[in-house]
Amino acid sequence: MTRFNRIHKIDTDNLVAHVEPGVITGDFHRAVEKKGLFYPPDPASSVFCTLGGNMAECAGGPSAVKYGVTRDYVLGLEVVLPTAEVIKTGVQTTKGVVGYDLTRLFIGSEGTLGIITRMTLRLLPLPQEIRTMAAIFDVIDNAAETVSEIIKRSIIPKTIEFMDHASLQCVKEHLKINLPAKAQAMLLIEVDGAEGETDRAMTQLKELCLSQGASRVNVAKNSEEATNLWKARKAVSPALFKYAPDKINEDIVVPRSKIPQMVKKIDALRKKTGLTMASFGHAGDGNIHFNIMLDKKDKAQLKKAEAAVEDLFDYTLKLGGTISGEHGIGITKAPYMAKEIGIVELGLMKKIKKVFDPKGILNPGKIFQS
C-alpha cells in the first residue's frame, strides 16, 4: 500500500481532502497547513505512520481531548472487499444519512473487513495561535486530579498530556527545563485559538495548576521551547528501553474523573510486582499508556507482568473504562475481548466479519481469538 501515497486534492472551498492510504500522516499535516487548514488527528508516530493505518486503528493522539479521533474526520471511503468488489461508502459532503453508516464499520476494523484505497477527509481552519506549558508536580495524585479540574472550569485545551516519574526520568535531557529531583509527574498542556484567547487561557491554566499543587509551571516563550517539550513527550516510548529490554504496552481509557484512582492502582501494581512501570499519555481524554518494562526471557517476570495486565484490565472496566483507546485489539488483546464485549455483541461482530470476508482471508486471527 506504500504506492498508494498521493494527495489527490485539498479542497479549500469545502474543507475536505481526497487522499490515498499510503500518505504519511505528518506529510499530510504539513500539506494542509500550507493551505491554512488543519487535520487534527495527530498520533505520536505521525512522522512514519500512514493515514490508512490511522483508519485501521481509529488513531487519536494528543489533540483528541478537544478535536476527537480519526473517525470524526472521515467522510467517505473507497474500499476493495475480500470478494474483489470495490465499494464507495459515505459522502463527499459534511452531512449525509442515506442508509447504514458503512464508513464507520471500516474505521478501527484493523484491516479485517476490506482494503481502503481512497479517503475523503474533513479539514478545519488552522488555529491562529498555539501556546504550550509544562506543569511539574511533586505529588502524582495532584497532577491526576488537575486534569478533571481543568475540564470542570470549562477550559478545553488542545492537549493535556501526562507523564509520570519513570517517564520523566528517561527523557529529562530532552526537556531543556530544570526538572526538580522530587518531580513525580508533569502535565504538558497546549491551547489553541484566536489571537489573544490563548494568552487568557494560559493565565487561567497556570493559576489552576499552581492552586492544585504544581511546584513549577513553565510556559513556552516561543516555538523552539514548545518543540523541546514535545520532543520529550514523543521520546518517552522508545526511551523506556533504558529500563529493560522488553515492554508490554497497554492503552486503557477511564473517565477523566477516575484518573487519580487509576494512578493509585498502577502504583499498587508496581509495588506488588517489583517491576518498573511507566505511565504517560492523553490524560485529557482519560487515555493512559501503561508500560511494564521487563525481560521476557525471565519467566517469573513475564508471569507477574501478564497477571498485572489482567488485573489492570479488570480494574479499568470496573471504573467504567475500556481496555483500548487507540492501539486496537490485534492478537494480544483478543483473549480479553470477552471481558468488555458481551456474547451477543461479539456474535454480531463475527457475523459482520463473515458478511464482508466469507473466506476469512483478511488479517486472520486479528480481533477475534482463533
Protein backbone atom coordinates (compact mmCIF):
# COMPACT_ATOMS: atom_id res chain seq x y z
CA MET A 1 0.00 0.00 0.00
CA THR A 2 3.02 2.32 0.18
CA ARG A 3 2.50 3.17 -3.50
CA PHE A 4 -1.00 4.50 -2.72
CA ASN A 5 0.60 7.69 -1.45
CA ARG A 6 -0.99 10.52 -3.40
CA ILE A 7 -2.86 13.54 -2.09
CA HIS A 8 -5.35 13.96 -4.93
CA LYS A 9 -6.89 17.24 -3.84
CA ILE A 10 -7.07 19.63 -0.91
CA ASP A 11 -10.38 21.43 -1.41
CA THR A 12 -10.10 24.75 0.44
CA ASP A 13 -13.64 25.79 -0.54
CA ASN A 14 -15.31 22.77 1.05
CA LEU A 15 -12.69 21.95 3.71
CA VAL A 16 -12.12 18.38 2.53
CA ALA A 17 -9.19 16.40 1.14
CA HIS A 18 -9.13 13.38 -1.17
CA VAL A 19 -6.17 11.15 -0.34
CA GLU A 20 -4.76 7.64 -0.63
CA PRO A 21 -3.98 5.45 2.41
CA GLY A 22 -0.19 5.37 2.00
CA VAL A 23 0.22 9.10 2.66
CA ILE A 24 2.40 9.70 5.74
CA THR A 25 0.29 11.43 8.38
CA GLY A 26 2.92 14.09 9.15
CA ASP A 27 3.32 14.88 5.45
CA PHE A 28 -0.44 15.36 5.20
CA HIS A 29 -0.41 17.69 8.21
CA ARG A 30 2.19 19.88 6.53
CA ALA A 31 0.40 19.83 3.17
CA VAL A 32 -2.91 21.06 4.59
CA GLU A 33 -1.22 23.62 6.85
CA LYS A 34 0.32 25.24 3.77
CA LYS A 35 -3.27 25.88 2.67
CA GLY A 36 -4.18 27.40 6.05
CA LEU A 37 -6.04 24.25 7.13
CA PHE A 38 -5.77 21.72 9.92
CA TYR A 39 -6.20 17.92 10.20
CA PRO A 40 -6.48 17.26 13.95
CA PRO A 41 -5.68 13.51 14.43
CA ASP A 42 -2.02 13.57 15.49
CA PRO A 43 -0.66 10.21 16.69
CA ALA A 44 2.83 10.34 18.21
CA SER A 45 4.07 8.21 15.30
CA SER A 46 2.94 10.77 12.69
CA VAL A 47 6.45 11.05 11.20
CA PHE A 48 6.13 7.50 9.84
CA CYS A 49 2.56 6.22 10.28
CA THR A 50 0.10 6.42 7.38
CA LEU A 51 -3.43 7.73 7.02
CA GLY A 52 -4.55 4.22 6.08
CA GLY A 53 -3.05 2.80 9.25
CA ASN A 54 -4.77 5.56 11.22
CA MET A 55 -8.08 4.48 9.66
CA ALA A 56 -7.46 0.83 10.51
CA GLU A 57 -6.84 1.65 14.18
CA CYS A 58 -9.00 4.76 14.51
CA ALA A 59 -5.92 6.59 15.76
CA GLY A 60 -6.26 9.52 18.09
CA GLY A 61 -3.38 11.42 19.62
CA PRO A 62 -2.85 14.33 22.00
CA SER A 63 -5.42 16.60 20.31
CA ALA A 64 -8.29 14.14 20.81
CA VAL A 65 -9.39 15.85 24.04
CA LYS A 66 -10.60 18.84 22.01
CA TYR A 67 -10.90 17.60 18.45
CA GLY A 68 -11.75 13.90 18.60
CA VAL A 69 -10.19 10.97 16.75
CA THR A 70 -9.82 9.73 13.18
CA ARG A 71 -13.44 8.59 12.80
CA ASP A 72 -14.58 12.17 13.37
CA TYR A 73 -12.78 13.31 10.20
CA VAL A 74 -13.59 10.59 7.68
CA LEU A 75 -16.46 11.45 5.36
CA GLY A 76 -16.13 8.66 2.82
CA LEU A 77 -14.03 5.71 1.68
CA GLU A 78 -13.26 3.63 -1.37
CA VAL A 79 -12.70 0.03 -0.31
CA VAL A 80 -11.72 -3.21 -2.04
CA LEU A 81 -13.55 -6.11 -0.41
CA PRO A 82 -12.12 -9.63 0.00
CA THR A 83 -14.64 -10.67 -2.68
CA ALA A 84 -12.81 -8.33 -5.15
CA GLU A 85 -15.77 -5.93 -5.23
CA VAL A 86 -14.96 -2.21 -5.00
CA ILE A 87 -17.37 -0.15 -2.93
CA LYS A 88 -17.72 3.51 -2.02
CA THR A 89 -19.04 4.45 1.39
CA GLY A 90 -20.13 7.72 2.95
CA VAL A 91 -20.42 11.09 1.28
CA GLN A 92 -18.37 13.98 -0.08
CA THR A 93 -20.40 16.45 1.99
CA THR A 94 -20.47 17.35 5.67
CA LYS A 95 -23.90 15.72 6.08
CA GLY A 96 -25.40 12.50 4.78
CA VAL A 97 -27.77 9.95 6.35
CA VAL A 98 -28.73 7.71 3.43
CA GLY A 99 -28.62 4.10 4.60
CA TYR A 100 -26.35 2.49 7.16
CA ASP A 101 -23.05 4.18 8.01
CA LEU A 102 -20.69 1.66 6.42
CA THR A 103 -17.79 4.10 6.65
CA ARG A 104 -17.57 3.73 10.41
CA LEU A 105 -17.54 -0.05 10.16
CA PHE A 106 -14.20 0.11 8.39
CA ILE A 107 -12.63 2.67 10.73
CA GLY A 108 -10.96 0.73 13.53
CA SER A 109 -11.56 -2.64 11.84
CA GLU A 110 -7.80 -3.38 11.78
CA GLY A 111 -7.82 -4.48 8.16
CA THR A 112 -10.26 -7.33 8.77
CA LEU A 113 -13.12 -6.16 6.52
CA GLY A 114 -11.56 -4.59 3.44
CA ILE A 115 -8.63 -2.72 1.94
CA ILE A 116 -9.03 1.06 1.93
CA THR A 117 -7.77 2.62 -1.31
CA ARG A 118 -9.06 6.19 -1.08
CA MET A 119 -10.42 8.51 1.60
CA THR A 120 -12.33 11.76 1.82
CA LEU A 121 -11.26 13.62 4.96
CA ARG A 122 -12.77 16.60 6.75
CA LEU A 123 -10.49 19.56 7.50
CA LEU A 124 -10.69 22.57 9.81
CA PRO A 125 -9.34 26.12 9.58
CA LEU A 126 -5.85 26.36 11.09
CA PRO A 127 -5.92 27.97 14.58
CA GLN A 128 -4.27 31.38 14.71
CA GLU A 129 -2.18 30.66 17.80
CA ILE A 130 -0.91 27.73 19.86
CA ARG A 131 0.55 28.11 23.37
CA THR A 132 2.30 25.37 25.33
CA MET A 133 3.10 24.90 29.01
CA ALA A 134 4.55 22.25 31.32
CA ALA A 135 3.30 21.91 34.90
CA ILE A 136 5.57 19.96 37.27
CA PHE A 137 4.07 18.17 40.29
CA ASP A 138 5.87 16.68 43.29
CA VAL A 139 2.77 14.64 44.14
CA ILE A 140 1.44 12.47 41.32
CA ASP A 141 -2.12 12.47 42.69
CA ASN A 142 -2.24 16.26 42.37
CA ALA A 143 -1.35 16.03 38.69
CA ALA A 144 -4.03 13.39 38.11
CA GLU A 145 -6.70 15.44 39.90
CA THR A 146 -5.77 18.58 37.96
CA VAL A 147 -6.92 17.01 34.69
CA SER A 148 -10.59 16.81 35.63
CA GLU A 149 -10.36 20.19 37.39
CA ILE A 150 -9.29 21.79 34.09
CA ILE A 151 -12.31 20.38 32.26
CA LYS A 152 -14.64 21.39 35.13
CA ARG A 153 -13.60 25.02 34.61
CA SER A 154 -14.91 24.87 31.02
CA ILE A 155 -11.41 25.22 29.59
CA ILE A 156 -10.92 22.71 26.78
CA PRO A 157 -7.21 22.64 25.91
CA LYS A 158 -5.97 21.21 22.64
CA THR A 159 -3.95 18.71 24.65
CA ILE A 160 -3.41 17.57 28.23
CA GLU A 161 -0.57 15.05 28.27
CA PHE A 162 0.53 13.19 31.40
CA MET A 163 3.99 11.82 32.22
CA ASP A 164 4.82 10.02 35.46
CA HIS A 165 8.18 9.90 37.28
CA ALA A 166 9.57 6.93 35.33
CA SER A 167 8.65 8.59 32.03
CA LEU A 168 10.20 11.91 33.03
CA GLN A 169 13.46 10.37 34.17
CA CYS A 170 14.16 8.68 30.85
CA VAL A 171 13.61 11.84 28.75
CA LYS A 172 14.72 14.63 31.07
CA GLU A 173 17.63 15.57 28.77
CA HIS A 174 15.05 16.50 26.09
CA LEU A 175 13.02 18.76 28.37
CA LYS A 176 15.52 21.66 28.48
CA ILE A 177 13.99 22.76 31.79
CA ASN A 178 15.31 22.42 35.32
CA LEU A 179 13.47 19.30 36.45
CA PRO A 180 13.42 19.05 40.27
CA ALA A 181 14.72 15.74 41.64
CA LYS A 182 11.46 15.18 43.51
CA ALA A 183 9.24 15.76 40.46
CA GLN A 184 6.74 12.90 40.28
CA ALA A 185 4.64 13.95 37.29
CA MET A 186 4.24 16.50 34.54
CA LEU A 187 1.26 17.77 32.60
CA LEU A 188 2.03 19.06 29.11
CA ILE A 189 -0.84 21.38 28.22
CA GLU A 190 -1.49 23.15 24.94
CA VAL A 191 -4.22 25.59 23.97
CA ASP A 192 -5.08 26.94 20.55
CA GLY A 193 -7.47 29.52 19.19
CA ALA A 194 -7.79 33.11 18.08
CA GLU A 195 -5.16 35.72 18.85
CA GLY A 196 -5.47 36.83 22.48
CA GLU A 197 -7.67 33.91 23.55
CA THR A 198 -4.69 31.64 24.11
CA ASP A 199 -2.96 34.11 26.46
CA ARG A 200 -6.06 34.30 28.66
CA ALA A 201 -6.40 30.51 28.70
CA MET A 202 -2.70 30.11 29.59
CA THR A 203 -3.05 32.51 32.52
CA GLN A 204 -6.08 30.60 33.83
CA LEU A 205 -4.36 27.23 33.41
CA LYS A 206 -1.17 28.36 35.12
CA GLU A 207 -3.12 29.67 38.12
CA LEU A 208 -5.19 26.49 38.27
CA CYS A 209 -2.15 24.18 38.15
CA LEU A 210 -0.41 26.14 40.90
CA SER A 211 -3.55 26.05 43.06
CA GLN A 212 -3.67 22.26 42.53
CA GLY A 213 -0.16 21.82 43.88
CA ALA A 214 2.14 22.26 40.89
CA SER A 215 5.63 23.11 42.13
CA ARG A 216 6.51 24.85 38.88
CA VAL A 217 4.81 25.91 35.65
CA ASN A 218 6.91 26.64 32.57
CA VAL A 219 5.11 28.46 29.75
CA ALA A 220 6.97 28.10 26.46
CA LYS A 221 8.10 31.54 25.28
CA ASN A 222 8.50 30.50 21.65
CA SER A 223 8.06 27.63 19.23
CA GLU A 224 11.55 26.26 19.98
CA GLU A 225 10.75 25.81 23.67
CA ALA A 226 7.40 24.21 22.78
CA THR A 227 9.13 21.86 20.34
CA ASN A 228 11.57 20.73 23.04
CA LEU A 229 8.69 19.86 25.35
CA TRP A 230 7.03 17.82 22.61
CA LYS A 231 10.31 16.11 21.73
CA ALA A 232 10.46 14.88 25.31
CA ARG A 233 6.88 13.62 25.25
CA LYS A 234 7.29 11.83 21.92
CA ALA A 235 10.60 10.30 23.01
CA VAL A 236 9.12 8.54 26.03
CA SER A 237 8.05 5.26 24.42
CA PRO A 238 11.41 4.38 22.78
CA ALA A 239 13.40 5.80 25.72
CA LEU A 240 11.76 3.38 28.16
CA PHE A 241 14.05 0.61 26.91
CA LYS A 242 16.69 2.16 29.16
CA TYR A 243 14.95 0.31 31.96
CA ALA A 244 14.66 -3.18 30.44
CA PRO A 245 14.98 -4.99 27.09
CA ASP A 246 11.26 -5.68 26.66
CA LYS A 247 8.00 -3.81 27.10
CA ILE A 248 4.32 -4.61 27.47
CA ASN A 249 2.38 -1.53 26.42
CA GLU A 250 -1.36 -1.12 27.02
CA ASP A 251 -3.59 1.88 26.28
CA ILE A 252 -6.50 1.76 28.67
CA VAL A 253 -9.04 4.59 28.95
CA VAL A 254 -11.02 5.61 32.02
CA PRO A 255 -13.38 8.53 32.67
CA ARG A 256 -11.25 11.61 33.41
CA SER A 257 -12.56 11.78 36.96
CA LYS A 258 -11.19 8.27 37.56
CA ILE A 259 -7.59 9.04 36.53
CA PRO A 260 -6.47 9.55 40.18
CA GLN A 261 -7.81 6.09 41.06
CA MET A 262 -6.05 4.55 38.06
CA VAL A 263 -2.76 6.22 39.00
CA LYS A 264 -3.04 4.73 42.50
CA LYS A 265 -3.80 1.30 41.01
CA ILE A 266 -0.72 1.41 38.78
CA ASP A 267 1.42 2.37 41.77
CA ALA A 268 0.00 -0.60 43.70
CA LEU A 269 0.79 -2.95 40.80
CA ARG A 270 4.33 -1.57 40.63
CA LYS A 271 4.89 -2.29 44.33
CA LYS A 272 3.24 -5.72 44.10
CA THR A 273 5.29 -6.95 41.14
CA GLY A 274 8.58 -5.14 41.74
CA LEU A 275 8.70 -4.35 38.01
CA THR A 276 9.41 -0.94 36.51
CA MET A 277 6.19 0.60 35.23
CA ALA A 278 5.79 3.86 33.36
CA SER A 279 2.57 5.69 32.57
CA PHE A 280 2.08 8.52 30.14
CA GLY A 281 -0.45 9.59 27.56
CA HIS A 282 -3.50 11.58 26.70
CA ALA A 283 -4.88 12.34 30.14
CA GLY A 284 -7.25 14.92 28.71
CA ASP A 285 -9.46 12.14 27.40
CA GLY A 286 -8.55 9.57 30.06
CA ASN A 287 -6.26 7.56 27.77
CA ILE A 288 -3.23 6.30 29.71
CA HIS A 289 -0.40 4.34 28.07
CA PHE A 290 0.63 1.83 30.72
CA ASN A 291 4.04 0.23 30.19
CA ILE A 292 5.62 -2.68 32.03
CA MET A 293 9.37 -2.96 31.49
CA LEU A 294 10.79 -6.47 31.81
CA ASP A 295 12.99 -9.19 30.40
CA LYS A 296 10.58 -11.60 28.70
CA LYS A 297 13.19 -14.36 28.89
CA ASP A 298 12.72 -14.25 32.65
CA LYS A 299 9.63 -16.44 33.06
CA ALA A 300 8.95 -15.16 36.59
CA GLN A 301 8.92 -11.54 35.38
CA LEU A 302 6.70 -12.41 32.42
CA LYS A 303 4.21 -14.23 34.63
CA LYS A 304 3.98 -11.27 37.02
CA ALA A 305 3.61 -8.83 34.13
CA GLU A 306 0.81 -10.81 32.47
CA ALA A 307 -1.05 -11.06 35.79
CA ALA A 308 -0.65 -7.29 36.26
CA VAL A 309 -2.12 -6.63 32.79
CA GLU A 310 -5.18 -8.75 33.54
CA ASP A 311 -5.59 -7.05 36.92
CA LEU A 312 -5.30 -3.65 35.23
CA PHE A 313 -7.92 -4.53 32.59
CA ASP A 314 -10.36 -5.75 35.25
CA TYR A 315 -9.91 -2.54 37.24
CA THR A 316 -10.26 -0.40 34.11
CA LEU A 317 -13.62 -1.98 33.33
CA LYS A 318 -14.69 -1.62 36.96
CA LEU A 319 -14.07 2.14 36.63
CA GLY A 320 -16.26 2.29 33.52
CA GLY A 321 -13.36 2.37 31.08
CA THR A 322 -12.21 0.40 28.04
CA ILE A 323 -9.16 -1.82 27.51
CA SER A 324 -8.03 0.01 24.36
CA GLY A 325 -8.45 3.64 23.35
CA GLU A 326 -6.49 3.71 20.11
CA HIS A 327 -3.98 0.85 19.78
CA GLY A 328 -6.64 -1.71 18.92
CA ILE A 329 -7.05 -5.40 19.70
CA GLY A 330 -4.89 -7.30 17.20
CA ILE A 331 -3.69 -10.62 18.59
CA THR A 332 -2.51 -9.77 22.09
CA LYS A 333 -5.76 -8.27 23.39
CA ALA A 334 -8.05 -10.78 21.65
CA PRO A 335 -8.18 -13.06 24.73
CA TYR A 336 -9.55 -10.13 26.77
CA MET A 337 -12.33 -9.06 24.36
CA ALA A 338 -14.97 -11.05 26.22
CA LYS A 339 -14.23 -9.10 29.40
CA GLU A 340 -15.62 -5.95 27.79
CA ILE A 341 -17.88 -7.12 24.95
CA GLY A 342 -20.90 -9.33 25.67
CA ILE A 343 -21.60 -12.67 23.97
CA VAL A 344 -24.42 -11.26 21.82
CA GLU A 345 -22.33 -8.27 20.71
CA LEU A 346 -19.32 -10.47 19.92
CA GLY A 347 -21.57 -12.74 17.90
CA LEU A 348 -22.84 -9.79 15.85
CA MET A 349 -19.29 -8.64 15.17
CA LYS A 350 -18.31 -12.10 13.93
CA LYS A 351 -21.34 -12.14 11.62
CA ILE A 352 -20.32 -8.76 10.19
CA LYS A 353 -16.84 -10.15 9.55
CA LYS A 354 -18.40 -13.15 7.77
CA VAL A 355 -20.54 -10.92 5.53
CA PHE A 356 -17.58 -8.88 4.31
CA ASP A 357 -14.96 -11.64 4.37
CA PRO A 358 -16.72 -15.01 3.95
CA LYS A 359 -13.46 -16.92 3.46
CA GLY A 360 -11.63 -15.21 6.32
CA ILE A 361 -8.66 -14.13 4.20
CA LEU A 362 -8.14 -10.62 5.59
CA ASN A 363 -5.91 -10.37 8.67
CA PRO A 364 -6.86 -13.82 10.03
CA GLY A 365 -6.60 -14.16 13.80
CA LYS A 366 -6.92 -10.44 14.50
CA ILE A 367 -9.54 -9.09 16.93
CA PHE A 368 -11.27 -12.45 17.46
CA GLN A 369 -9.49 -15.33 19.14
CA SER A 370 -8.93 -18.30 16.84
